[in-house]
Amino acid sequence: MSGLNIIPIYDEGESFRVFGYNETIQKIFHFELENDEIYTDYGTNWNLLLLDIMFQYFNDDIENGLDIVKFKTVGEKLGFDKSETLYKLLNIPVEEYNEKYNEIDSWRNELAKKLKIL
C-alpha cells in the first residue's frame, strides 16, 4: 500500500475495503490494520467487492428473516444488479450451505462465475 493514494470504501471495525491508486496502479482491496497482508485483491472489479458485501449481508442476516425482496432492495441501493440471482444461489439447505462455506474461496469463485462477474 506504500506509495498509493487510498480512498476508503467501507470498514467493519478493523477490517477495511479501500481503493488504492497511483500513476500506474488502480485496485480495490481488503485488509486489516492488525496484519501486514492484503486479504482480497479485487483488481478494479467492483462487482466482486459488491458480491462479497452481499454475501456477508446474507450470511449475517438470513437467520433474522432476510427475504429476497429485502436482499434485492439492498443490492439495488448498492448498485449490485445481481442480488436476486445471488440470493437464489445462497438460499440452499443449511447442510449444503455449511459444506460450501468450508471451501469459501472456491465457493466465492463459483458464485462469481455463475453471476458472470469473472
PDB file of N, CA and C in Angstrom:
ATOM      1  N   MET A   1       0.826  -1.191   0.000  1.00  0.00           N
ATOM      2  CA  MET A   1       0.000   0.000   0.000  1.00  0.00           C
ATOM      3  C   MET A   1       0.869   1.254   0.000  1.00  0.00           C
ATOM      4  N   SER A   2       2.140   1.046   0.286  1.00  0.00           N
ATOM      5  CA  SER A   2       3.056   2.163   0.281  1.00  0.00           C
ATOM      6  C   SER A   2       3.100   2.788  -1.110  1.00  0.00           C
ATOM      7  N   GLY A   3       2.991   4.084  -1.163  1.00  0.00           N
ATOM      8  CA  GLY A   3       3.030   4.789  -2.432  1.00  0.00           C
ATOM      9  C   GLY A   3       1.691   4.912  -3.123  1.00  0.00           C
ATOM     10  N   LEU A   4       0.625   4.409  -2.484  1.00  0.00           N
ATOM     11  CA  LEU A   4      -0.708   4.503  -3.075  1.00  0.00           C
ATOM     12  C   LEU A   4      -1.531   5.578  -2.381  1.00  0.00           C
ATOM     13  N   ASN A   5      -2.333   6.264  -3.133  1.00  0.00           N
ATOM     14  CA  ASN A   5      -3.369   7.127  -2.570  1.00  0.00           C
ATOM     15  C   ASN A   5      -4.514   6.196  -2.189  1.00  0.00           C
ATOM     16  N   ILE A   6      -5.097   6.401  -1.030  1.00  0.00           N
ATOM     17  CA  ILE A   6      -6.121   5.490  -0.515  1.00  0.00           C
ATOM     18  C   ILE A   6      -7.446   6.226  -0.342  1.00  0.00           C
ATOM     19  N   ILE A   7      -8.496   5.635  -0.888  1.00  0.00           N
ATOM     20  CA  ILE A   7      -9.859   6.138  -0.698  1.00  0.00           C
ATOM     21  C   ILE A   7     -10.628   5.042   0.033  1.00  0.00           C
ATOM     22  N   PRO A   8     -11.077   5.307   1.250  1.00  0.00           N
ATOM     23  CA  PRO A   8     -11.860   4.295   1.980  1.00  0.00           C
ATOM     24  C   PRO A   8     -13.201   4.038   1.290  1.00  0.00           C
ATOM     25  N   ILE A   9     -13.598   2.782   1.252  1.00  0.00           N
ATOM     26  CA  ILE A   9     -14.903   2.417   0.712  1.00  0.00           C
ATOM     27  C   ILE A   9     -15.835   2.095   1.874  1.00  0.00           C
ATOM     28  N   TYR A  10     -15.412   1.178   2.732  1.00  0.00           N
ATOM     29  CA  TYR A  10     -16.156   0.901   3.956  1.00  0.00           C
ATOM     30  C   TYR A  10     -15.293   0.076   4.900  1.00  0.00           C
ATOM     31  N   ASP A  11     -15.730   0.032   6.165  1.00  0.00           N
ATOM     32  CA  ASP A  11     -14.984  -0.741   7.150  1.00  0.00           C
ATOM     33  C   ASP A  11     -15.928  -1.568   7.995  1.00  0.00           C
ATOM     34  N   GLU A  12     -15.348  -2.593   8.595  1.00  0.00           N
ATOM     35  CA  GLU A  12     -16.035  -3.441   9.568  1.00  0.00           C
ATOM     36  C   GLU A  12     -15.113  -3.526  10.769  1.00  0.00           C
ATOM     37  N   GLY A  13     -15.083  -2.488  11.572  1.00  0.00           N
ATOM     38  CA  GLY A  13     -14.180  -2.456  12.710  1.00  0.00           C
ATOM     39  C   GLY A  13     -12.750  -2.273  12.254  1.00  0.00           C
ATOM     40  N   GLU A  14     -11.936  -3.325  12.378  1.00  0.00           N
ATOM     41  CA  GLU A  14     -10.527  -3.277  11.994  1.00  0.00           C
ATOM     42  C   GLU A  14     -10.296  -3.732  10.548  1.00  0.00           C
ATOM     43  N   SER A  15     -11.347  -4.145   9.867  1.00  0.00           N
ATOM     44  CA  SER A  15     -11.263  -4.649   8.501  1.00  0.00           C
ATOM     45  C   SER A  15     -11.739  -3.560   7.538  1.00  0.00           C
ATOM     46  N   PHE A  16     -10.952  -3.315   6.478  1.00  0.00           N
ATOM     47  CA  PHE A  16     -11.246  -2.214   5.566  1.00  0.00           C
ATOM     48  C   PHE A  16     -11.258  -2.676   4.117  1.00  0.00           C
ATOM     49  N   ARG A  17     -12.162  -2.083   3.325  1.00  0.00           N
ATOM     50  CA  ARG A  17     -12.142  -2.188   1.863  1.00  0.00           C
ATOM     51  C   ARG A  17     -11.809  -0.785   1.386  1.00  0.00           C
ATOM     52  N   VAL A  18     -10.790  -0.685   0.533  1.00  0.00           N
ATOM     53  CA  VAL A  18     -10.330   0.618   0.058  1.00  0.00           C
ATOM     54  C   VAL A  18     -10.013   0.546  -1.433  1.00  0.00           C
ATOM     55  N   PHE A  19      -9.950   1.718  -2.050  1.00  0.00           N
ATOM     56  CA  PHE A  19      -9.470   1.846  -3.419  1.00  0.00           C
ATOM     57  C   PHE A  19      -8.118   2.521  -3.338  1.00  0.00           C
ATOM     58  N   GLY A  20      -7.104   1.855  -3.861  1.00  0.00           N
ATOM     59  CA  GLY A  20      -5.753   2.403  -3.853  1.00  0.00           C
ATOM     60  C   GLY A  20      -5.307   2.691  -5.272  1.00  0.00           C
ATOM     61  N   TYR A  21      -4.615   3.810  -5.444  1.00  0.00           N
ATOM     62  CA  TYR A  21      -4.175   4.156  -6.792  1.00  0.00           C
ATOM     63  C   TYR A  21      -2.937   5.052  -6.763  1.00  0.00           C
ATOM     64  N   ASN A  22      -2.227   5.037  -7.851  1.00  0.00           N
ATOM     65  CA  ASN A  22      -1.168   5.996  -8.138  1.00  0.00           C
ATOM     66  C   ASN A  22      -1.104   6.114  -9.656  1.00  0.00           C
ATOM     67  N   GLU A  23       0.009   6.573 -10.203  1.00  0.00           N
ATOM     68  CA  GLU A  23       0.102   6.777 -11.654  1.00  0.00           C
ATOM     69  C   GLU A  23       0.013   5.476 -12.450  1.00  0.00           C
ATOM     70  N   THR A  24       0.394   4.354 -11.836  1.00  0.00           N
ATOM     71  CA  THR A  24       0.448   3.090 -12.569  1.00  0.00           C
ATOM     72  C   THR A  24      -0.476   2.000 -12.039  1.00  0.00           C
ATOM     73  N   ILE A  25      -1.028   2.162 -10.866  1.00  0.00           N
ATOM     74  CA  ILE A  25      -1.825   1.113 -10.229  1.00  0.00           C
ATOM     75  C   ILE A  25      -3.200   1.656  -9.829  1.00  0.00           C
ATOM     76  N   GLN A  26      -4.213   0.843 -10.048  1.00  0.00           N
ATOM     77  CA  GLN A  26      -5.557   1.094  -9.528  1.00  0.00           C
ATOM     78  C   GLN A  26      -6.098  -0.249  -9.078  1.00  0.00           C
ATOM     79  N   LYS A  27      -6.502  -0.345  -7.805  1.00  0.00           N
ATOM     80  CA  LYS A  27      -7.069  -1.604  -7.342  1.00  0.00           C
ATOM     81  C   LYS A  27      -7.907  -1.387  -6.088  1.00  0.00           C
ATOM     82  N   ILE A  28      -8.843  -2.305  -5.921  1.00  0.00           N
ATOM     83  CA  ILE A  28      -9.684  -2.353  -4.730  1.00  0.00           C
ATOM     84  C   ILE A  28      -9.163  -3.512  -3.903  1.00  0.00           C
ATOM     85  N   PHE A  29      -8.986  -3.296  -2.607  1.00  0.00           N
ATOM     86  CA  PHE A  29      -8.514  -4.409  -1.796  1.00  0.00           C
ATOM     87  C   PHE A  29      -9.052  -4.352  -0.375  1.00  0.00           C
ATOM     88  N   HIS A  30      -8.953  -5.499   0.274  1.00  0.00           N
ATOM     89  CA  HIS A  30      -9.440  -5.713   1.637  1.00  0.00           C
ATOM     90  C   HIS A  30      -8.236  -6.031   2.511  1.00  0.00           C
ATOM     91  N   PHE A  31      -8.134  -5.342   3.646  1.00  0.00           N
ATOM     92  CA  PHE A  31      -7.038  -5.604   4.580  1.00  0.00           C
ATOM     93  C   PHE A  31      -7.505  -5.291   5.992  1.00  0.00           C
ATOM     94  N   GLU A  32      -6.693  -5.690   6.964  1.00  0.00           N
ATOM     95  CA  GLU A  32      -6.929  -5.360   8.363  1.00  0.00           C
ATOM     96  C   GLU A  32      -5.734  -4.599   8.897  1.00  0.00           C
ATOM     97  N   LEU A  33      -5.994  -3.672   9.784  1.00  0.00           N
ATOM     98  CA  LEU A  33      -4.916  -2.863  10.346  1.00  0.00           C
ATOM     99  C   LEU A  33      -3.921  -3.696  11.133  1.00  0.00           C
ATOM    100  N   GLU A  34      -4.399  -4.751  11.777  1.00  0.00           N
ATOM    101  CA  GLU A  34      -3.544  -5.569  12.624  1.00  0.00           C
ATOM    102  C   GLU A  34      -2.544  -6.419  11.843  1.00  0.00           C
ATOM    103  N   ASN A  35      -2.801  -6.664  10.569  1.00  0.00           N
ATOM    104  CA  ASN A  35      -1.975  -7.579   9.789  1.00  0.00           C
ATOM    105  C   ASN A  35      -1.343  -6.864   8.597  1.00  0.00           C
ATOM    106  N   ASP A  36      -0.199  -7.346   8.189  1.00  0.00           N
ATOM    107  CA  ASP A  36       0.511  -6.763   7.054  1.00  0.00           C
ATOM    108  C   ASP A  36       0.264  -7.557   5.776  1.00  0.00           C
ATOM    109  N   GLU A  37      -0.974  -7.875   5.512  1.00  0.00           N
ATOM    110  CA  GLU A  37      -1.288  -8.595   4.289  1.00  0.00           C
ATOM    111  C   GLU A  37      -2.617  -8.124   3.736  1.00  0.00           C
ATOM    112  N   ILE A  38      -2.727  -8.231   2.430  1.00  0.00           N
ATOM    113  CA  ILE A  38      -3.987  -7.928   1.758  1.00  0.00           C
ATOM    114  C   ILE A  38      -4.756  -9.239   1.680  1.00  0.00           C
ATOM    115  N   TYR A  39      -5.975  -9.248   2.195  1.00  0.00           N
ATOM    116  CA  TYR A  39      -6.788 -10.461   2.188  1.00  0.00           C
ATOM    117  C   TYR A  39      -7.412 -10.729   0.823  1.00  0.00           C
ATOM    118  N   THR A  40      -7.934  -9.687   0.198  1.00  0.00           N
ATOM    119  CA  THR A  40      -8.568  -9.849  -1.104  1.00  0.00           C
ATOM    120  C   THR A  40      -8.142  -8.706  -2.008  1.00  0.00           C
ATOM    121  N   ASP A  41      -7.681  -9.046  -3.189  1.00  0.00           N
ATOM    122  CA  ASP A  41      -7.356  -8.061  -4.215  1.00  0.00           C
ATOM    123  C   ASP A  41      -8.433  -8.190  -5.283  1.00  0.00           C
ATOM    124  N   TYR A  42      -9.288  -7.195  -5.388  1.00  0.00           N
ATOM    125  CA  TYR A  42     -10.395  -7.212  -6.341  1.00  0.00           C
ATOM    126  C   TYR A  42      -9.995  -6.659  -7.704  1.00  0.00           C
ATOM    127  N   GLY A  43      -8.750  -6.237  -7.838  1.00  0.00           N
ATOM    128  CA  GLY A  43      -8.365  -5.554  -9.067  1.00  0.00           C
ATOM    129  C   GLY A  43      -9.211  -4.294  -9.172  1.00  0.00           C
ATOM    130  N   THR A  44      -9.864  -4.113 -10.292  1.00  0.00           N
ATOM    131  CA  THR A  44     -10.808  -2.989 -10.435  1.00  0.00           C
ATOM    132  C   THR A  44     -12.226  -3.509 -10.661  1.00  0.00           C
ATOM    133  N   ASN A  45     -12.485  -4.742 -10.229  1.00  0.00           N
ATOM    134  CA  ASN A  45     -13.791  -5.367 -10.413  1.00  0.00           C
ATOM    135  C   ASN A  45     -14.708  -5.031  -9.235  1.00  0.00           C
ATOM    136  N   TRP A  46     -15.464  -3.962  -9.379  1.00  0.00           N
ATOM    137  CA  TRP A  46     -16.369  -3.520  -8.317  1.00  0.00           C
ATOM    138  C   TRP A  46     -17.427  -4.566  -8.000  1.00  0.00           C
ATOM    139  N   ASN A  47     -17.854  -5.332  -9.003  1.00  0.00           N
ATOM    140  CA  ASN A  47     -18.866  -6.353  -8.755  1.00  0.00           C
ATOM    141  C   ASN A  47     -18.370  -7.447  -7.822  1.00  0.00           C
ATOM    142  N   LEU A  48     -17.067  -7.771  -7.850  1.00  0.00           N
ATOM    143  CA  LEU A  48     -16.532  -8.741  -6.889  1.00  0.00           C
ATOM    144  C   LEU A  48     -16.630  -8.211  -5.467  1.00  0.00           C
ATOM    145  N   LEU A  49     -16.329  -6.933  -5.295  1.00  0.00           N
ATOM    146  CA  LEU A  49     -16.475  -6.310  -3.977  1.00  0.00           C
ATOM    147  C   LEU A  49     -17.934  -6.356  -3.536  1.00  0.00           C
ATOM    148  N   LEU A  50     -18.841  -5.983  -4.425  1.00  0.00           N
ATOM    149  CA  LEU A  50     -20.269  -5.993  -4.079  1.00  0.00           C
ATOM    150  C   LEU A  50     -20.768  -7.406  -3.802  1.00  0.00           C
ATOM    151  N   LEU A  51     -20.245  -8.384  -4.526  1.00  0.00           N
ATOM    152  CA  LEU A  51     -20.585  -9.785  -4.243  1.00  0.00           C
ATOM    153  C   LEU A  51     -20.200 -10.131  -2.814  1.00  0.00           C
ATOM    154  N   ASP A  52     -18.999  -9.766  -2.400  1.00  0.00           N
ATOM    155  CA  ASP A  52     -18.557 -10.060  -1.030  1.00  0.00           C
ATOM    156  C   ASP A  52     -19.420  -9.346   0.009  1.00  0.00           C
ATOM    157  N   ILE A  53     -19.772  -8.104  -0.263  1.00  0.00           N
ATOM    158  CA  ILE A  53     -20.621  -7.350   0.666  1.00  0.00           C
ATOM    159  C   ILE A  53     -21.986  -8.024   0.793  1.00  0.00           C
ATOM    160  N   MET A  54     -22.576  -8.381  -0.334  1.00  0.00           N
ATOM    161  CA  MET A  54     -23.904  -9.004  -0.307  1.00  0.00           C
ATOM    162  C   MET A  54     -23.839 -10.414   0.291  1.00  0.00           C
ATOM    163  N   PHE A  55     -22.765 -11.138   0.039  1.00  0.00           N
ATOM    164  CA  PHE A  55     -22.591 -12.467   0.633  1.00  0.00           C
ATOM    165  C   PHE A  55     -22.550 -12.338   2.154  1.00  0.00           C
ATOM    166  N   GLN A  56     -21.789 -11.385   2.647  1.00  0.00           N
ATOM    167  CA  GLN A  56     -21.691 -11.180   4.091  1.00  0.00           C
ATOM    168  C   GLN A  56     -23.037 -10.756   4.673  1.00  0.00           C
ATOM    169  N   TYR A  57     -23.741  -9.896   3.957  1.00  0.00           N
ATOM    170  CA  TYR A  57     -25.069  -9.463   4.388  1.00  0.00           C
ATOM    171  C   TYR A  57     -26.006 -10.667   4.504  1.00  0.00           C
ATOM    172  N   PHE A  58     -26.012 -11.526   3.500  1.00  0.00           N
ATOM    173  CA  PHE A  58     -26.839 -12.731   3.537  1.00  0.00           C
ATOM    174  C   PHE A  58     -26.461 -13.581   4.745  1.00  0.00           C
ATOM    175  N   ASN A  59     -25.174 -13.819   4.907  1.00  0.00           N
ATOM    176  CA  ASN A  59     -24.671 -14.673   5.987  1.00  0.00           C
ATOM    177  C   ASN A  59     -25.040 -14.116   7.365  1.00  0.00           C
ATOM    178  N   ASP A  60     -24.970 -12.807   7.518  1.00  0.00           N
ATOM    179  CA  ASP A  60     -25.250 -12.181   8.813  1.00  0.00           C
ATOM    180  C   ASP A  60     -26.736 -12.101   9.133  1.00  0.00           C
ATOM    181  N   ASP A  61     -27.591 -11.960   8.122  1.00  0.00           N
ATOM    182  CA  ASP A  61     -29.000 -11.657   8.380  1.00  0.00           C
ATOM    183  C   ASP A  61     -29.999 -12.746   8.017  1.00  0.00           C
ATOM    184  N   ILE A  62     -29.577 -13.848   7.419  1.00  0.00           N
ATOM    185  CA  ILE A  62     -30.534 -14.856   6.984  1.00  0.00           C
ATOM    186  C   ILE A  62     -31.345 -15.416   8.149  1.00  0.00           C
ATOM    187  N   GLU A  63     -30.742 -15.543   9.307  1.00  0.00           N
ATOM    188  CA  GLU A  63     -31.474 -16.085  10.457  1.00  0.00           C
ATOM    189  C   GLU A  63     -32.441 -15.074  11.067  1.00  0.00           C
ATOM    190  N   ASN A  64     -32.340 -13.819  10.657  1.00  0.00           N
ATOM    191  CA  ASN A  64     -33.228 -12.772  11.169  1.00  0.00           C
ATOM    192  C   ASN A  64     -34.406 -12.509  10.232  1.00  0.00           C
ATOM    193  N   GLY A  65     -34.700 -13.454   9.344  1.00  0.00           N
ATOM    194  CA  GLY A  65     -35.857 -13.319   8.468  1.00  0.00           C
ATOM    195  C   GLY A  65     -35.570 -12.554   7.188  1.00  0.00           C
ATOM    196  N   LEU A  66     -34.345 -12.530   6.745  1.00  0.00           N
ATOM    197  CA  LEU A  66     -34.000 -11.874   5.481  1.00  0.00           C
ATOM    198  C   LEU A  66     -34.709 -12.585   4.333  1.00  0.00           C
ATOM    199  N   ASP A  67     -35.413 -11.811   3.527  1.00  0.00           N
ATOM    200  CA  ASP A  67     -36.073 -12.406   2.373  1.00  0.00           C
ATOM    201  C   ASP A  67     -35.514 -11.805   1.086  1.00  0.00           C
ATOM    202  N   ILE A  68     -35.915 -12.375  -0.022  1.00  0.00           N
ATOM    203  CA  ILE A  68     -35.367 -11.974  -1.311  1.00  0.00           C
ATOM    204  C   ILE A  68     -35.692 -10.516  -1.646  1.00  0.00           C
ATOM    205  N   VAL A  69     -36.849 -10.030  -1.239  1.00  0.00           N
ATOM    206  CA  VAL A  69     -37.240  -8.654  -1.539  1.00  0.00           C
ATOM    207  C   VAL A  69     -36.310  -7.670  -0.828  1.00  0.00           C
ATOM    208  N   LYS A  70     -36.085  -7.892   0.449  1.00  0.00           N
ATOM    209  CA  LYS A  70     -35.191  -7.015   1.213  1.00  0.00           C
ATOM    210  C   LYS A  70     -33.761  -7.109   0.681  1.00  0.00           C
ATOM    211  N   PHE A  71     -33.310  -8.323   0.397  1.00  0.00           N
ATOM    212  CA  PHE A  71     -31.957  -8.546  -0.122  1.00  0.00           C
ATOM    213  C   PHE A  71     -31.779  -7.815  -1.450  1.00  0.00           C
ATOM    214  N   LYS A  72     -32.756  -7.953  -2.325  1.00  0.00           N
ATOM    215  CA  LYS A  72     -32.698  -7.301  -3.635  1.00  0.00           C
ATOM    216  C   LYS A  72     -32.710  -5.783  -3.494  1.00  0.00           C
ATOM    217  N   THR A  73     -33.494  -5.260  -2.569  1.00  0.00           N
ATOM    218  CA  THR A  73     -33.550  -3.816  -2.333  1.00  0.00           C
ATOM    219  C   THR A  73     -32.191  -3.277  -1.894  1.00  0.00           C
ATOM    220  N   VAL A  74     -31.546  -3.976  -0.976  1.00  0.00           N
ATOM    221  CA  VAL A  74     -30.217  -3.551  -0.522  1.00  0.00           C
ATOM    222  C   VAL A  74     -29.228  -3.616  -1.686  1.00  0.00           C
ATOM    223  N   GLY A  75     -29.270  -4.690  -2.455  1.00  0.00           N
ATOM    224  CA  GLY A  75     -28.391  -4.821  -3.609  1.00  0.00           C
ATOM    225  C   GLY A  75     -28.583  -3.691  -4.609  1.00  0.00           C
ATOM    226  N   GLU A  76     -29.818  -3.338  -4.863  1.00  0.00           N
ATOM    227  CA  GLU A  76     -30.108  -2.241  -5.794  1.00  0.00           C
ATOM    228  C   GLU A  76     -29.559  -0.918  -5.276  1.00  0.00           C
ATOM    229  N   LYS A  77     -29.679  -0.686  -3.975  1.00  0.00           N
ATOM    230  CA  LYS A  77     -29.146   0.546  -3.392  1.00  0.00           C
ATOM    231  C   LYS A  77     -27.626   0.618  -3.525  1.00  0.00           C
ATOM    232  N   LEU A  78     -26.969  -0.535  -3.493  1.00  0.00           N
ATOM    233  CA  LEU A  78     -25.516  -0.588  -3.658  1.00  0.00           C
ATOM    234  C   LEU A  78     -25.095  -0.550  -5.128  1.00  0.00           C
ATOM    235  N   GLY A  79     -26.050  -0.762  -6.032  1.00  0.00           N
ATOM    236  CA  GLY A  79     -25.729  -0.819  -7.449  1.00  0.00           C
ATOM    237  C   GLY A  79     -25.347  -2.213  -7.920  1.00  0.00           C
ATOM    238  N   PHE A  80     -25.732  -3.227  -7.153  1.00  0.00           N
ATOM    239  CA  PHE A  80     -25.442  -4.624  -7.496  1.00  0.00           C
ATOM    240  C   PHE A  80     -26.690  -5.240  -8.107  1.00  0.00           C
ATOM    241  N   ASP A  81     -26.722  -5.343  -9.418  1.00  0.00           N
ATOM    242  CA  ASP A  81     -27.925  -5.795 -10.115  1.00  0.00           C
ATOM    243  C   ASP A  81     -28.065  -7.315 -10.163  1.00  0.00           C
ATOM    244  N   LYS A  82     -27.193  -8.032  -9.493  1.00  0.00           N
ATOM    245  CA  LYS A  82     -27.224  -9.493  -9.493  1.00  0.00           C
ATOM    246  C   LYS A  82     -27.699 -10.063  -8.148  1.00  0.00           C
ATOM    247  N   SER A  83     -28.282  -9.213  -7.316  1.00  0.00           N
ATOM    248  CA  SER A  83     -28.636  -9.642  -5.967  1.00  0.00           C
ATOM    249  C   SER A  83     -29.743 -10.703  -5.945  1.00  0.00           C
ATOM    250  N   GLU A  84     -30.714 -10.605  -6.821  1.00  0.00           N
ATOM    251  CA  GLU A  84     -31.783 -11.606  -6.822  1.00  0.00           C
ATOM    252  C   GLU A  84     -31.226 -12.987  -7.158  1.00  0.00           C
ATOM    253  N   THR A  85     -30.380 -13.061  -8.172  1.00  0.00           N
ATOM    254  CA  THR A  85     -29.761 -14.329  -8.553  1.00  0.00           C
ATOM    255  C   THR A  85     -28.851 -14.832  -7.437  1.00  0.00           C
ATOM    256  N   LEU A  86     -28.089 -13.940  -6.842  1.00  0.00           N
ATOM    257  CA  LEU A  86     -27.209 -14.335  -5.736  1.00  0.00           C
ATOM    258  C   LEU A  86     -28.020 -14.912  -4.586  1.00  0.00           C
ATOM    259  N   TYR A  87     -29.119 -14.271  -4.234  1.00  0.00           N
ATOM    260  CA  TYR A  87     -29.964 -14.781  -3.145  1.00  0.00           C
ATOM    261  C   TYR A  87     -30.391 -16.215  -3.439  1.00  0.00           C
ATOM    262  N   LYS A  88     -30.810 -16.466  -4.667  1.00  0.00           N
ATOM    263  CA  LYS A  88     -31.264 -17.809  -5.035  1.00  0.00           C
ATOM    264  C   LYS A  88     -30.124 -18.823  -4.951  1.00  0.00           C
ATOM    265  N   LEU A  89     -28.904 -18.398  -5.294  1.00  0.00           N
ATOM    266  CA  LEU A  89     -27.748 -19.287  -5.212  1.00  0.00           C
ATOM    267  C   LEU A  89     -27.326 -19.560  -3.772  1.00  0.00           C
ATOM    268  N   LEU A  90     -27.593 -18.605  -2.881  1.00  0.00           N
ATOM    269  CA  LEU A  90     -27.210 -18.755  -1.470  1.00  0.00           C
ATOM    270  C   LEU A  90     -28.296 -19.398  -0.622  1.00  0.00           C
ATOM    271  N   ASN A  91     -29.525 -19.293  -1.044  1.00  0.00           N
ATOM    272  CA  ASN A  91     -30.655 -19.797  -0.266  1.00  0.00           C
ATOM    273  C   ASN A  91     -30.841 -21.295  -0.510  1.00  0.00           C
ATOM    274  N   ILE A  92     -29.900 -22.061   0.036  1.00  0.00           N
ATOM    275  CA  ILE A  92     -29.865 -23.510  -0.130  1.00  0.00           C
ATOM    276  C   ILE A  92     -29.996 -24.154   1.250  1.00  0.00           C
ATOM    277  N   PRO A  93     -30.232 -25.453   1.304  1.00  0.00           N
ATOM    278  CA  PRO A  93     -30.329 -26.105   2.616  1.00  0.00           C
ATOM    279  C   PRO A  93     -29.088 -25.841   3.480  1.00  0.00           C
ATOM    280  N   VAL A  94     -29.297 -25.748   4.786  1.00  0.00           N
ATOM    281  CA  VAL A  94     -28.240 -25.388   5.733  1.00  0.00           C
ATOM    282  C   VAL A  94     -27.027 -26.313   5.614  1.00  0.00           C
ATOM    283  N   GLU A  95     -27.267 -27.611   5.478  1.00  0.00           N
ATOM    284  CA  GLU A  95     -26.159 -28.557   5.388  1.00  0.00           C
ATOM    285  C   GLU A  95     -25.290 -28.270   4.157  1.00  0.00           C
ATOM    286  N   GLU A  96     -25.951 -28.015   3.043  1.00  0.00           N
ATOM    287  CA  GLU A  96     -25.224 -27.707   1.809  1.00  0.00           C
ATOM    288  C   GLU A  96     -24.492 -26.370   1.936  1.00  0.00           C
ATOM    289  N   TYR A  97     -25.154 -25.385   2.540  1.00  0.00           N
ATOM    290  CA  TYR A  97     -24.538 -24.071   2.755  1.00  0.00           C
ATOM    291  C   TYR A  97     -23.270 -24.214   3.598  1.00  0.00           C
ATOM    292  N   ASN A  98     -23.370 -24.937   4.701  1.00  0.00           N
ATOM    293  CA  ASN A  98     -22.215 -25.119   5.585  1.00  0.00           C
ATOM    294  C   ASN A  98     -21.078 -25.856   4.892  1.00  0.00           C
ATOM    295  N   GLU A  99     -21.419 -26.850   4.094  1.00  0.00           N
ATOM    296  CA  GLU A  99     -20.400 -27.596   3.358  1.00  0.00           C
ATOM    297  C   GLU A  99     -19.673 -26.678   2.375  1.00  0.00           C
ATOM    298  N   LYS A 100     -20.427 -25.886   1.638  1.00  0.00           N
ATOM    299  CA  LYS A 100     -19.823 -24.959   0.682  1.00  0.00           C
ATOM    300  C   LYS A 100     -19.023 -23.875   1.403  1.00  0.00           C
ATOM    301  N   TYR A 101     -19.526 -23.431   2.553  1.00  0.00           N
ATOM    302  CA  TYR A 101     -18.846 -22.380   3.313  1.00  0.00           C
ATOM    303  C   TYR A 101     -17.467 -22.842   3.790  1.00  0.00           C
ATOM    304  N   ASN A 102     -17.307 -24.138   4.027  1.00  0.00           N
ATOM    305  CA  ASN A 102     -16.000 -24.672   4.431  1.00  0.00           C
ATOM    306  C   ASN A 102     -14.935 -24.454   3.363  1.00  0.00           C
ATOM    307  N   GLU A 103     -15.357 -24.324   2.123  1.00  0.00           N
ATOM    308  CA  GLU A 103     -14.463 -24.040   0.993  1.00  0.00           C
ATOM    309  C   GLU A 103     -14.852 -22.689   0.408  1.00  0.00           C
ATOM    310  N   ILE A 104     -14.866 -21.666   1.256  1.00  0.00           N
ATOM    311  CA  ILE A 104     -15.446 -20.379   0.881  1.00  0.00           C
ATOM    312  C   ILE A 104     -14.785 -19.731  -0.333  1.00  0.00           C
ATOM    313  N   ASP A 105     -13.474 -19.837  -0.471  1.00  0.00           N
ATOM    314  CA  ASP A 105     -12.808 -19.219  -1.621  1.00  0.00           C
ATOM    315  C   ASP A 105     -13.260 -19.864  -2.929  1.00  0.00           C
ATOM    316  N   SER A 106     -13.348 -21.174  -2.939  1.00  0.00           N
ATOM    317  CA  SER A 106     -13.832 -21.877  -4.132  1.00  0.00           C
ATOM    318  C   SER A 106     -15.285 -21.527  -4.406  1.00  0.00           C
ATOM    319  N   TRP A 107     -16.083 -21.475  -3.346  1.00  0.00           N
ATOM    320  CA  TRP A 107     -17.497 -21.163  -3.499  1.00  0.00           C
ATOM    321  C   TRP A 107     -17.673 -19.755  -4.038  1.00  0.00           C
ATOM    322  N   ARG A 108     -16.887 -18.812  -3.516  1.00  0.00           N
ATOM    323  CA  ARG A 108     -16.967 -17.422  -3.975  1.00  0.00           C
ATOM    324  C   ARG A 108     -16.653 -17.353  -5.470  1.00  0.00           C
ATOM    325  N   ASN A 109     -15.627 -18.064  -5.908  1.00  0.00           N
ATOM    326  CA  ASN A 109     -15.283 -18.087  -7.337  1.00  0.00           C
ATOM    327  C   ASN A 109     -16.391 -18.712  -8.170  1.00  0.00           C
ATOM    328  N   GLU A 110     -16.983 -19.777  -7.646  1.00  0.00           N
ATOM    329  CA  GLU A 110     -18.093 -20.433  -8.329  1.00  0.00           C
ATOM    330  C   GLU A 110     -19.269 -19.467  -8.471  1.00  0.00           C
ATOM    331  N   LEU A 111     -19.587 -18.755  -7.391  1.00  0.00           N
ATOM    332  CA  LEU A 111     -20.675 -17.779  -7.439  1.00  0.00           C
ATOM    333  C   LEU A 111     -20.374 -16.671  -8.438  1.00  0.00           C
ATOM    334  N   ALA A 112     -19.156 -16.173  -8.417  1.00  0.00           N
ATOM    335  CA  ALA A 112     -18.762 -15.082  -9.339  1.00  0.00           C
ATOM    336  C   ALA A 112     -18.892 -15.535 -10.787  1.00  0.00           C
ATOM    337  N   LYS A 113     -18.535 -16.774 -11.077  1.00  0.00           N
ATOM    338  CA  LYS A 113     -18.652 -17.285 -12.438  1.00  0.00           C
ATOM    339  C   LYS A 113     -20.120 -17.444 -12.841  1.00  0.00           C
ATOM    340  N   LYS A 114     -20.924 -17.956 -11.924  1.00  0.00           N
ATOM    341  CA  LYS A 114     -22.365 -18.124 -12.233  1.00  0.00           C
ATOM    342  C   LYS A 114     -23.041 -16.770 -12.430  1.00  0.00           C
ATOM    343  N   LEU A 115     -22.562 -15.750 -11.733  1.00  0.00           N
ATOM    344  CA  LEU A 115     -23.123 -14.403 -11.874  1.00  0.00           C
ATOM    345  C   LEU A 115     -22.481 -13.622 -13.025  1.00  0.00           C
ATOM    346  N   LYS A 116     -21.538 -14.272 -13.710  1.00  0.00           N
ATOM    347  CA  LYS A 116     -20.810 -13.673 -14.834  1.00  0.00           C
ATOM    348  C   LYS A 116     -20.066 -12.404 -14.425  1.00  0.00           C
ATOM    349  N   ILE A 117     -19.452 -12.492 -13.224  1.00  0.00           N
ATOM    350  CA  ILE A 117     -18.622 -11.402 -12.709  1.00  0.00           C
ATOM    351  C   ILE A 117     -17.167 -11.671 -13.064  1.00  0.00           C
ATOM    352  N   LEU A 118     -16.780 -12.927 -13.106  1.00  0.00           N
ATOM    353  CA  LEU A 118     -15.427 -13.321 -13.505  1.00  0.00           C
ATOM    354  C   LEU A 118     -15.416 -13.822 -14.931  1.00  0.00           C
TER     355      LEU A 118
END
